[in-house]
Amino acid sequence: MARYLLAASPIPGHVTPMIAVAADLRRRGHEIALLTGAAFRPAVVRAGVRPLLLPAAAHPRPITPRRGPLPDVVRRWRTGRAELLSGFLAPLTSQYAALATASKRDRYDAVLVDVMYTGAIPFLLSERPRPPVLACGVVPLMLSSADTPPFGIGWRPRAGRDYTTMNRFVHDVLFRADQARLDAALRELAVARAPVFFLDWPVLADRILQFTVPGFEYPRRDLPSSVVFTGPVPPPADTEPASPDRWDVLDRGRTVVLVTQGTWDNADLGQLIRPTLSALGGRDDLVVVATTGGSSAPIGPVPANAMVLDYVPYSRLLPHVDVMITNGGYGGVQQALGHGIPVIVAGDTADKPEIAARAAHFGAGIDLGTARPRPDRIAAAVDRLLSADAYRAGARRLAADMANHTPFETIAQVLASLPRPPRARPSAGHGHRVRSIRERRRR
């Protein structure tokens, strides 16, 4: 039996897959603790895992994107900087303190953190002995590459183009001040400055467990050998509520369209759910299922061909669904694709532009390019998906790829391959790796 510590930034889409991993490791007989926000304590306990709670200062805060007549790339850059400060840099010190305290209190054989848990950065750079650290990719692969545009703007890569110069400009010019903020925070914690761009920090970890399949990630010739594609991690079964009373309406032969804004960016249902109800309301050929994710925001009139639910068991719902309309949560999109369902993605915060771009790039969906699409654009996208077999074929290709992966077994095998005793820092191999990273960055 091993002892593992998991840490997750307290955002639903980040915590849910980490709870699923923790629950599986617990079923395998290991002793597990999960460090995250107090709101997730009941779910952690239900999974049979020991909860460790983050202080309030370690929580990211959602931001409201600025509106106005700006080009998409400028708006996304401004939004990305605001999210970086509130969700990436601001919680770092408190997250590190909580992680360091937990690892000192008990000896763990490995630590697994989601890639937005930035307290792992000083933990990795500290000179103190530590167990192996695994970064868990609960968002699309963030790592810089000569084969991909900078992460966050949602640009699809062009074959044969080298993005090295573009990435260097983003790192050294656009986000220079933010990199300096990271280094200042690390200096205050008496650890070394970051040898990599802040979004590339997972390369410092012993492994990167990317919760997807290679077919849903851009090919990279410079992909680090530490990256392991596990396949999408399914949600814990006991987090799904009972089916709604009106479930039989989905079995009457009509097309079923699911629309959701997830559980994080859903304070304003006028972004996507209300426009979708307006676009598709009154149609006799389809049923619209809207899930609000616990939002208390007003939803407005509900047409006769629609039903509105709070939470919904995707394992029961998705086999009935023909099209998903979503603001682009990584887990939800991959669950839909895993059922061979094409997606329409409308999101412009956090990692959502990247998820939308991947769905379009791999022929499994449509990227609407905005978080606030007009009803006519939504209706046109739905009709396009329903009339073009290519999108469903693209989704089915990804579903077949996902079906060939066993995420929990892969994670267990990776953990079993790691050295059990804590290692002294810095080791010769890690020092060589950090020097190589620094040299690449200077070039």
Protein backbone atom coordinates (compact mmCIF):
# COMPACT_ATOMS: atom_id res chain seq x y z
CA MET A 1 0.00 0.00 0.00
CA ALA A 2 1.24 3.48 -0.89
CA ARG A 3 0.27 6.91 0.40
CA TYR A 4 -0.58 9.63 -2.09
CA LEU A 5 -1.40 13.30 -1.68
CA LEU A 6 -3.58 14.97 -4.31
CA ALA A 7 -4.08 18.73 -4.60
CA ALA A 8 -6.63 20.52 -6.77
CA SER A 9 -7.37 24.15 -7.38
CA PRO A 10 -10.93 24.57 -6.00
CA ILE A 11 -12.72 24.85 -9.34
CA PRO A 12 -15.35 22.16 -10.11
CA GLY A 13 -13.86 21.10 -13.43
CA HIS A 14 -10.47 20.66 -11.77
CA VAL A 15 -11.58 19.00 -8.55
CA THR A 16 -13.97 16.46 -10.10
CA PRO A 17 -11.36 14.48 -12.08
CA MET A 18 -8.94 14.61 -9.15
CA ILE A 19 -11.63 13.15 -6.87
CA ALA A 20 -12.19 10.41 -9.44
CA VAL A 21 -8.47 9.60 -9.47
CA ALA A 22 -8.35 9.68 -5.66
CA ALA A 23 -11.35 7.35 -5.39
CA ASP A 24 -9.80 4.84 -7.78
CA LEU A 25 -6.48 4.85 -5.92
CA ARG A 26 -8.39 4.33 -2.69
CA ARG A 27 -10.19 1.33 -4.20
CA ARG A 28 -6.78 -0.10 -5.06
CA GLY A 29 -5.95 -0.11 -1.35
CA HIS A 30 -3.82 3.03 -1.12
CA GLU A 31 -4.11 5.71 1.54
CA ILE A 32 -5.20 8.99 -0.06
CA ALA A 33 -5.56 12.61 1.04
CA LEU A 34 -6.95 15.36 -1.20
CA LEU A 35 -6.15 19.03 -0.60
CA THR A 36 -8.75 21.44 -2.02
CA GLY A 37 -11.50 23.91 -1.09
CA ALA A 38 -13.95 23.37 1.76
CA ALA A 39 -16.95 23.34 -0.63
CA PHE A 40 -15.72 20.02 -2.02
CA ARG A 41 -15.25 18.31 1.34
CA PRO A 42 -18.53 16.28 1.14
CA ALA A 43 -17.61 14.89 -2.28
CA VAL A 44 -14.10 14.02 -1.10
CA VAL A 45 -15.48 12.22 1.96
CA ARG A 46 -18.02 10.31 -0.18
CA ALA A 47 -15.09 9.05 -2.24
CA GLY A 48 -13.56 7.54 0.87
CA VAL A 49 -10.67 10.00 0.80
CA ARG A 50 -9.27 12.10 3.64
CA PRO A 51 -10.02 15.81 2.98
CA LEU A 52 -7.43 18.52 3.61
CA LEU A 53 -8.79 22.04 3.27
CA LEU A 54 -7.22 25.04 1.56
CA PRO A 55 -7.44 28.48 3.17
CA ALA A 56 -9.52 31.16 1.45
CA ALA A 57 -6.41 32.91 0.09
CA ALA A 58 -5.57 29.78 -1.92
CA HIS A 59 -8.81 29.99 -3.93
CA PRO A 60 -8.87 31.48 -7.44
CA ARG A 61 -11.55 34.05 -8.16
CA PRO A 62 -13.63 34.07 -11.36
CA ILE A 63 -13.26 37.20 -13.45
CA THR A 64 -15.70 39.05 -15.68
CA PRO A 65 -14.27 39.50 -19.19
CA ARG A 66 -14.21 43.04 -20.52
CA ARG A 67 -16.65 43.74 -23.30
CA GLY A 68 -16.23 46.15 -26.13
CA PRO A 69 -15.30 46.46 -29.82
CA LEU A 70 -11.93 44.71 -29.55
CA PRO A 71 -10.34 42.11 -31.81
CA ASP A 72 -10.73 38.60 -30.39
CA VAL A 73 -6.99 38.15 -29.86
CA VAL A 74 -6.74 41.42 -27.86
CA ARG A 75 -9.80 40.63 -25.77
CA ARG A 76 -8.57 37.12 -25.03
CA TRP A 77 -5.11 38.43 -24.11
CA ARG A 78 -6.63 40.93 -21.65
CA THR A 79 -8.92 38.28 -20.23
CA GLY A 80 -6.03 35.86 -19.99
CA ARG A 81 -3.92 38.34 -18.04
CA ALA A 82 -6.74 39.01 -15.59
CA GLU A 83 -7.29 35.27 -15.12
CA LEU A 84 -3.56 34.76 -14.71
CA LEU A 85 -3.42 37.21 -11.81
CA SER A 86 -6.58 36.00 -10.07
CA GLY A 87 -6.33 32.28 -10.68
CA PHE A 88 -2.66 31.55 -11.25
CA LEU A 89 -0.45 34.00 -9.36
CA ALA A 90 -2.62 35.25 -6.50
CA PRO A 91 -3.23 31.81 -4.88
CA LEU A 92 0.37 30.56 -5.35
CA THR A 93 1.86 31.42 -1.97
CA SER A 94 -1.07 30.10 0.05
CA GLN A 95 -1.33 26.97 -2.07
CA TYR A 96 2.38 26.31 -1.56
CA ALA A 97 2.12 26.77 2.19
CA ALA A 98 -0.78 24.30 2.36
CA LEU A 99 1.02 21.77 0.17
CA ALA A 100 4.29 22.07 2.07
CA THR A 101 2.52 21.72 5.42
CA ALA A 102 0.61 18.63 4.29
CA SER A 103 3.75 16.96 2.91
CA LYS A 104 5.69 17.68 6.12
CA ARG A 105 2.94 16.33 8.35
CA ASP A 106 2.77 12.96 6.59
CA ARG A 107 5.14 11.04 4.37
CA TYR A 108 3.72 10.51 0.88
CA ASP A 109 5.02 8.32 -1.89
CA ALA A 110 3.92 10.80 -4.57
CA VAL A 111 2.03 14.07 -4.96
CA LEU A 112 -0.48 14.61 -7.78
CA VAL A 113 -1.56 18.18 -8.53
CA ASP A 114 -3.78 19.65 -11.19
CA VAL A 115 -1.88 21.94 -13.56
CA MET A 116 -3.60 25.07 -12.20
CA TYR A 117 -2.46 24.32 -8.65
CA THR A 118 0.44 26.76 -8.86
CA GLY A 119 1.59 26.09 -5.30
CA ALA A 120 3.39 23.14 -6.87
CA ILE A 121 5.89 25.47 -8.58
CA PRO A 122 7.81 26.53 -5.44
CA PHE A 123 7.35 22.99 -4.10
CA LEU A 124 9.26 21.70 -7.13
CA LEU A 125 11.92 24.43 -7.02
CA SER A 126 12.60 24.16 -3.30
CA GLU A 127 15.85 22.57 -2.19
CA ARG A 128 14.01 20.45 0.36
CA PRO A 129 13.58 16.70 -0.18
CA ARG A 130 10.26 15.87 -1.80
CA PRO A 131 8.38 12.88 -3.17
CA PRO A 132 7.81 12.55 -6.93
CA VAL A 133 5.35 15.12 -8.28
CA LEU A 134 2.90 14.45 -11.10
CA ALA A 135 1.11 17.31 -12.88
CA CYS A 136 -2.40 16.34 -13.98
CA GLY A 137 -3.70 17.92 -17.19
CA VAL A 138 -7.29 18.87 -16.40
CA VAL A 139 -7.10 21.45 -19.22
CA PRO A 140 -5.65 21.10 -22.73
CA LEU A 141 -1.88 20.73 -22.89
CA MET A 142 -0.48 24.18 -22.01
CA LEU A 143 3.16 23.54 -22.94
CA SER A 144 4.86 25.83 -25.43
CA SER A 145 5.83 24.19 -28.70
CA ALA A 146 7.38 25.14 -32.01
CA ASP A 147 4.41 23.38 -33.61
CA THR A 148 1.58 25.27 -31.83
CA PRO A 149 0.54 28.90 -31.29
CA PRO A 150 0.76 30.26 -27.72
CA PHE A 151 -1.75 28.71 -25.36
CA GLY A 152 -4.87 30.68 -24.53
CA ILE A 153 -5.74 32.53 -27.72
CA GLY A 154 -7.48 29.59 -29.35
CA TRP A 155 -5.59 29.65 -32.66
CA ARG A 156 -5.37 26.38 -34.54
CA PRO A 157 -1.87 25.41 -35.72
CA ARG A 158 -0.99 25.53 -39.39
CA ALA A 159 0.93 22.63 -40.86
CA GLY A 160 4.58 23.38 -41.48
CA ARG A 161 4.65 26.66 -39.55
CA ASP A 162 7.25 27.28 -36.84
CA TYR A 163 5.76 29.14 -33.86
CA THR A 164 9.02 29.60 -31.94
CA THR A 165 9.24 33.36 -32.57
CA MET A 166 5.58 33.93 -31.74
CA ASN A 167 5.94 32.03 -28.46
CA ARG A 168 9.08 33.94 -27.56
CA PHE A 169 7.28 37.26 -28.13
CA VAL A 170 4.41 36.18 -25.87
CA HIS A 171 6.81 34.99 -23.16
CA ASP A 172 9.32 37.84 -23.24
CA VAL A 173 7.13 40.80 -24.19
CA LEU A 174 3.41 40.34 -23.59
CA PHE A 175 3.77 38.42 -20.32
CA ARG A 176 7.17 39.68 -19.21
CA ALA A 177 5.72 41.57 -16.23
CA ASP A 178 3.69 38.54 -15.14
CA GLN A 179 6.73 36.28 -15.33
CA ALA A 180 8.52 38.85 -13.15
CA ARG A 181 5.62 38.67 -10.65
CA LEU A 182 6.03 34.92 -10.49
CA ASP A 183 9.76 35.25 -9.87
CA ALA A 184 9.14 37.86 -7.18
CA ALA A 185 6.73 35.51 -5.41
CA LEU A 186 9.27 32.70 -5.61
CA ARG A 187 11.98 34.99 -4.26
CA GLU A 188 9.77 35.82 -1.27
CA LEU A 189 9.50 32.08 -0.62
CA ALA A 190 13.31 31.75 -0.81
CA VAL A 191 13.29 29.39 -3.79
CA ALA A 192 14.92 29.64 -7.20
CA ARG A 193 13.40 31.72 -9.98
CA ALA A 194 11.31 29.85 -12.52
CA PRO A 195 13.55 28.41 -15.26
CA VAL A 196 10.58 28.22 -17.65
CA PHE A 197 7.63 30.29 -18.81
CA PHE A 198 4.90 30.07 -16.17
CA LEU A 199 2.49 27.99 -18.28
CA ASP A 200 5.31 25.54 -18.97
CA TRP A 201 5.87 24.76 -15.28
CA PRO A 202 4.57 21.14 -15.59
CA VAL A 203 7.82 20.20 -17.38
CA LEU A 204 9.48 20.54 -13.96
CA ALA A 205 7.33 17.71 -12.61
CA ASP A 206 8.37 14.06 -12.75
CA ARG A 207 5.43 13.18 -14.99
CA ILE A 208 2.63 15.01 -16.78
CA LEU A 209 -0.58 12.97 -16.80
CA GLN A 210 -2.64 14.50 -19.59
CA PHE A 211 -6.32 13.61 -19.15
CA THR A 212 -7.10 13.15 -22.84
CA VAL A 213 -6.11 11.08 -25.87
CA PRO A 214 -3.45 11.97 -28.46
CA GLY A 215 -6.22 12.41 -31.03
CA PHE A 216 -7.60 15.42 -29.14
CA GLU A 217 -4.25 17.17 -28.79
CA TYR A 218 -2.13 18.94 -31.41
CA PRO A 219 0.84 16.87 -32.61
CA ARG A 220 4.17 18.21 -31.30
CA ARG A 221 7.59 17.07 -32.39
CA ASP A 222 9.01 18.57 -29.19
CA LEU A 223 6.58 16.86 -26.80
CA PRO A 224 8.44 16.13 -23.52
CA SER A 225 8.98 12.46 -22.77
CA SER A 226 7.38 13.00 -19.36
CA VAL A 227 3.91 13.45 -20.93
CA VAL A 228 1.59 10.45 -20.58
CA PHE A 229 -1.82 10.52 -22.29
CA THR A 230 -4.14 8.69 -19.93
CA GLY A 231 -7.43 9.21 -21.74
CA PRO A 232 -10.27 11.31 -20.24
CA VAL A 233 -10.93 10.63 -16.57
CA PRO A 234 -14.63 9.82 -16.01
CA PRO A 235 -16.42 11.61 -13.16
CA PRO A 236 -16.99 9.80 -9.88
CA ALA A 237 -20.19 7.78 -10.24
CA ASP A 238 -21.62 8.79 -6.87
CA THR A 239 -21.53 12.51 -7.73
CA GLU A 240 -24.31 12.09 -10.29
CA PRO A 241 -27.86 12.76 -9.06
CA ALA A 242 -30.93 10.75 -9.94
CA SER A 243 -32.52 11.03 -13.38
CA PRO A 244 -35.29 13.61 -13.85
CA ASP A 245 -38.95 12.60 -13.82
CA ARG A 246 -39.44 13.74 -17.44
CA TRP A 247 -36.74 11.38 -18.78
CA ASP A 248 -39.20 9.62 -21.06
CA VAL A 249 -39.44 12.70 -23.30
CA LEU A 250 -35.98 11.84 -24.64
CA ASP A 251 -37.14 8.48 -25.94
CA ARG A 252 -39.77 9.75 -28.40
CA GLY A 253 -37.64 9.79 -31.55
CA ARG A 254 -36.87 13.51 -31.70
CA THR A 255 -33.38 15.04 -31.95
CA VAL A 256 -32.01 15.93 -28.52
CA VAL A 257 -29.82 19.03 -28.09
CA LEU A 258 -28.04 19.56 -24.78
CA VAL A 259 -26.96 23.08 -23.81
CA THR A 260 -24.83 23.80 -20.75
CA GLN A 261 -22.64 26.51 -19.25
CA GLY A 262 -21.01 24.11 -16.83
CA THR A 263 -20.55 24.73 -13.12
CA TRP A 264 -18.02 27.60 -13.07
CA ASP A 265 -18.74 30.28 -15.70
CA ASN A 266 -22.53 30.21 -15.29
CA ALA A 267 -23.40 33.37 -13.38
CA ASP A 268 -24.99 34.83 -16.52
CA LEU A 269 -27.21 32.34 -18.36
CA GLY A 270 -27.75 35.00 -21.00
CA GLN A 271 -24.38 34.07 -22.47
CA LEU A 272 -25.42 30.76 -23.98
CA ILE A 273 -28.46 29.04 -22.44
CA ARG A 274 -31.01 31.80 -23.05
CA PRO A 275 -29.87 32.42 -26.66
CA THR A 276 -30.07 28.67 -27.31
CA LEU A 277 -33.61 28.45 -25.94
CA SER A 278 -34.52 31.42 -28.11
CA ALA A 279 -32.88 29.87 -31.18
CA LEU A 280 -34.39 26.39 -30.85
CA GLY A 281 -37.61 27.00 -28.93
CA GLY A 282 -40.82 25.94 -30.63
CA ARG A 283 -39.22 23.44 -33.02
CA ASP A 284 -41.16 20.19 -33.31
CA ASP A 285 -38.15 18.22 -34.53
CA LEU A 286 -36.04 18.46 -31.39
CA VAL A 287 -35.95 18.58 -27.61
CA VAL A 288 -33.64 20.99 -25.79
CA VAL A 289 -32.18 20.00 -22.43
CA ALA A 290 -30.62 22.93 -20.57
CA THR A 291 -28.46 22.28 -17.51
CA THR A 292 -27.74 25.27 -15.28
CA GLY A 293 -25.02 23.69 -13.09
CA GLY A 294 -26.52 25.04 -9.91
CA SER A 295 -26.63 28.64 -11.12
CA SER A 296 -29.14 30.93 -9.40
CA ALA A 297 -29.24 33.30 -12.39
CA PRO A 298 -32.66 33.84 -14.05
CA ILE A 299 -33.19 31.77 -17.15
CA GLY A 300 -36.25 33.50 -18.61
CA PRO A 301 -39.08 31.88 -20.58
CA VAL A 302 -38.74 28.15 -21.19
CA PRO A 303 -40.28 26.94 -24.49
CA ALA A 304 -42.53 23.90 -24.61
CA ASN A 305 -39.90 21.72 -26.32
CA ALA A 306 -37.30 22.37 -23.59
CA MET A 307 -36.63 21.12 -20.09
CA VAL A 308 -34.34 22.87 -17.63
CA LEU A 309 -32.37 20.88 -15.08
CA ASP A 310 -29.96 21.83 -12.32
CA TYR A 311 -27.45 18.99 -12.47
CA VAL A 312 -27.83 16.02 -14.78
CA PRO A 313 -26.24 12.54 -14.85
CA TYR A 314 -24.24 12.63 -18.08
CA SER A 315 -23.79 8.85 -18.02
CA ARG A 316 -27.58 8.54 -18.41
CA LEU A 317 -28.22 11.61 -20.54
CA LEU A 318 -25.51 11.52 -23.21
CA PRO A 319 -26.64 8.25 -24.86
CA HIS A 320 -29.81 10.15 -25.82
CA VAL A 321 -28.08 13.34 -27.06
CA ASP A 322 -27.42 14.22 -30.71
CA VAL A 323 -25.66 17.58 -30.28
CA MET A 324 -24.05 19.31 -27.31
CA ILE A 325 -23.87 23.13 -27.10
CA THR A 326 -21.41 24.17 -24.42
CA ASN A 327 -19.17 26.98 -23.23
CA GLY A 328 -16.30 24.53 -23.40
CA GLY A 329 -15.51 22.72 -20.17
CA TYR A 330 -12.75 20.17 -20.81
CA GLY A 331 -14.44 17.32 -18.99
CA GLY A 332 -17.92 17.89 -20.42
CA VAL A 333 -16.70 18.24 -24.01
CA GLN A 334 -14.69 15.04 -23.75
CA GLN A 335 -17.61 13.16 -22.22
CA ALA A 336 -19.72 14.18 -25.21
CA LEU A 337 -17.02 13.21 -27.70
CA GLY A 338 -16.59 9.92 -25.86
CA HIS A 339 -20.20 9.17 -26.81
CA GLY A 340 -19.59 10.19 -30.43
CA ILE A 341 -21.57 13.43 -30.02
CA PRO A 342 -20.43 16.46 -32.05
CA VAL A 343 -20.17 19.73 -30.13
CA ILE A 344 -20.80 23.43 -30.61
CA VAL A 345 -18.47 25.43 -28.37
CA ALA A 346 -18.99 29.07 -27.36
CA GLY A 347 -16.49 30.25 -24.74
CA ASP A 348 -13.81 32.91 -24.36
CA THR A 349 -12.47 32.56 -20.82
CA ALA A 350 -9.81 30.31 -19.25
CA ASP A 351 -9.04 27.30 -21.48
CA LYS A 352 -12.34 27.40 -23.37
CA PRO A 353 -11.00 28.96 -26.62
CA GLU A 354 -8.40 26.18 -26.75
CA ILE A 355 -11.02 23.47 -26.28
CA ALA A 356 -13.24 25.04 -28.95
CA ALA A 357 -10.31 25.22 -31.35
CA ARG A 358 -9.45 21.56 -30.83
CA ALA A 359 -13.03 20.44 -31.42
CA ALA A 360 -13.06 22.30 -34.73
CA HIS A 361 -9.49 21.30 -35.69
CA PHE A 362 -10.23 17.60 -35.35
CA GLY A 363 -13.53 17.83 -37.21
CA ALA A 364 -15.74 17.01 -34.23
CA GLY A 365 -17.51 20.31 -33.76
CA ILE A 366 -17.98 24.00 -34.48
CA ASP A 367 -16.17 26.85 -32.74
CA LEU A 368 -18.49 29.85 -32.53
CA GLY A 369 -15.57 32.07 -31.47
CA THR A 370 -17.50 33.93 -28.79
CA ALA A 371 -19.10 33.35 -25.40
CA ARG A 372 -22.22 35.29 -26.44
CA PRO A 373 -23.42 33.90 -29.77
CA ARG A 374 -26.56 35.25 -31.42
CA PRO A 375 -29.55 32.91 -31.61
CA ASP A 376 -29.37 32.78 -35.42
CA ARG A 377 -25.74 31.58 -35.28
CA ILE A 378 -26.65 28.87 -32.78
CA ALA A 379 -29.56 27.65 -34.92
CA ALA A 380 -27.37 27.61 -38.04
CA ALA A 381 -24.64 25.65 -36.24
CA VAL A 382 -27.13 23.05 -34.98
CA ASP A 383 -28.58 22.56 -38.47
CA ARG A 384 -25.06 22.31 -39.90
CA LEU A 385 -24.05 19.57 -37.46
CA LEU A 386 -27.25 17.64 -38.04
CA SER A 387 -26.96 17.80 -41.83
CA ALA A 388 -23.22 17.10 -42.23
CA ASP A 389 -22.10 13.56 -41.43
CA ALA A 390 -18.45 14.64 -41.21
CA TYR A 391 -18.85 16.13 -37.74
CA ARG A 392 -20.41 13.00 -36.30
CA ALA A 393 -17.71 10.93 -37.99
CA GLY A 394 -15.05 13.13 -36.35
CA ALA A 395 -16.66 12.70 -32.95
CA ARG A 396 -16.87 8.94 -33.44
CA ARG A 397 -13.16 8.77 -34.33
CA LEU A 398 -12.36 10.42 -31.02
CA ALA A 399 -14.80 8.15 -29.21
CA ALA A 400 -12.98 5.11 -30.60
CA ASP A 401 -9.63 6.56 -29.51
CA MET A 402 -10.97 7.22 -26.00
CA ALA A 403 -12.43 3.72 -25.75
CA ASN A 404 -8.93 2.28 -26.25
CA HIS A 405 -7.57 4.08 -23.18
CA THR A 406 -7.87 3.00 -19.55
CA PRO A 407 -7.08 6.16 -17.56
CA PHE A 408 -7.16 4.74 -14.06
CA GLU A 409 -5.02 1.74 -14.99
CA THR A 410 -2.52 4.01 -16.75
CA ILE A 411 -2.26 6.32 -13.74
CA ALA A 412 -1.78 3.36 -11.41
CA GLN A 413 0.98 1.98 -13.65
CA VAL A 414 2.80 5.33 -13.78
CA LEU A 415 2.65 5.65 -10.00
CA ALA A 416 3.93 2.10 -9.55
CA SER A 417 6.91 2.90 -11.78
CA LEU A 418 8.06 5.84 -9.63
CA PRO A 419 10.70 5.52 -6.90
CA ARG A 420 8.98 5.20 -3.53
CA PRO A 421 11.42 6.97 -1.14
CA PRO A 422 11.51 10.80 -1.14
CA ARG A 423 14.42 12.16 -3.12
CA ALA A 424 16.87 14.87 -2.15
CA ARG A 425 16.73 18.11 -4.12
CA PRO A 426 18.24 18.97 -6.45
CA SER A 427 19.28 15.69 -8.07
CA ALA A 428 21.89 15.68 -10.82
CA GLY A 429 19.36 14.64 -13.44
CA HIS A 430 16.88 17.33 -12.49
CA GLY A 431 19.62 19.95 -12.37
CA HIS A 432 20.67 19.01 -15.87
CA ARG A 433 17.06 19.23 -17.03
CA VAL A 434 16.58 22.70 -15.50
CA ARG A 435 19.83 23.93 -17.07
CA SER A 436 18.67 22.61 -20.45
CA ILE A 437 15.34 24.41 -20.06
CA ARG A 438 17.10 27.66 -19.19
CA GLU A 439 19.35 27.33 -22.22
CA ARG A 440 16.39 26.71 -24.54
CA ARG A 441 14.62 29.75 -23.09
CA ARG A 442 17.65 32.00 -23.68
CA ARG A 443 17.88 30.82 -27.27
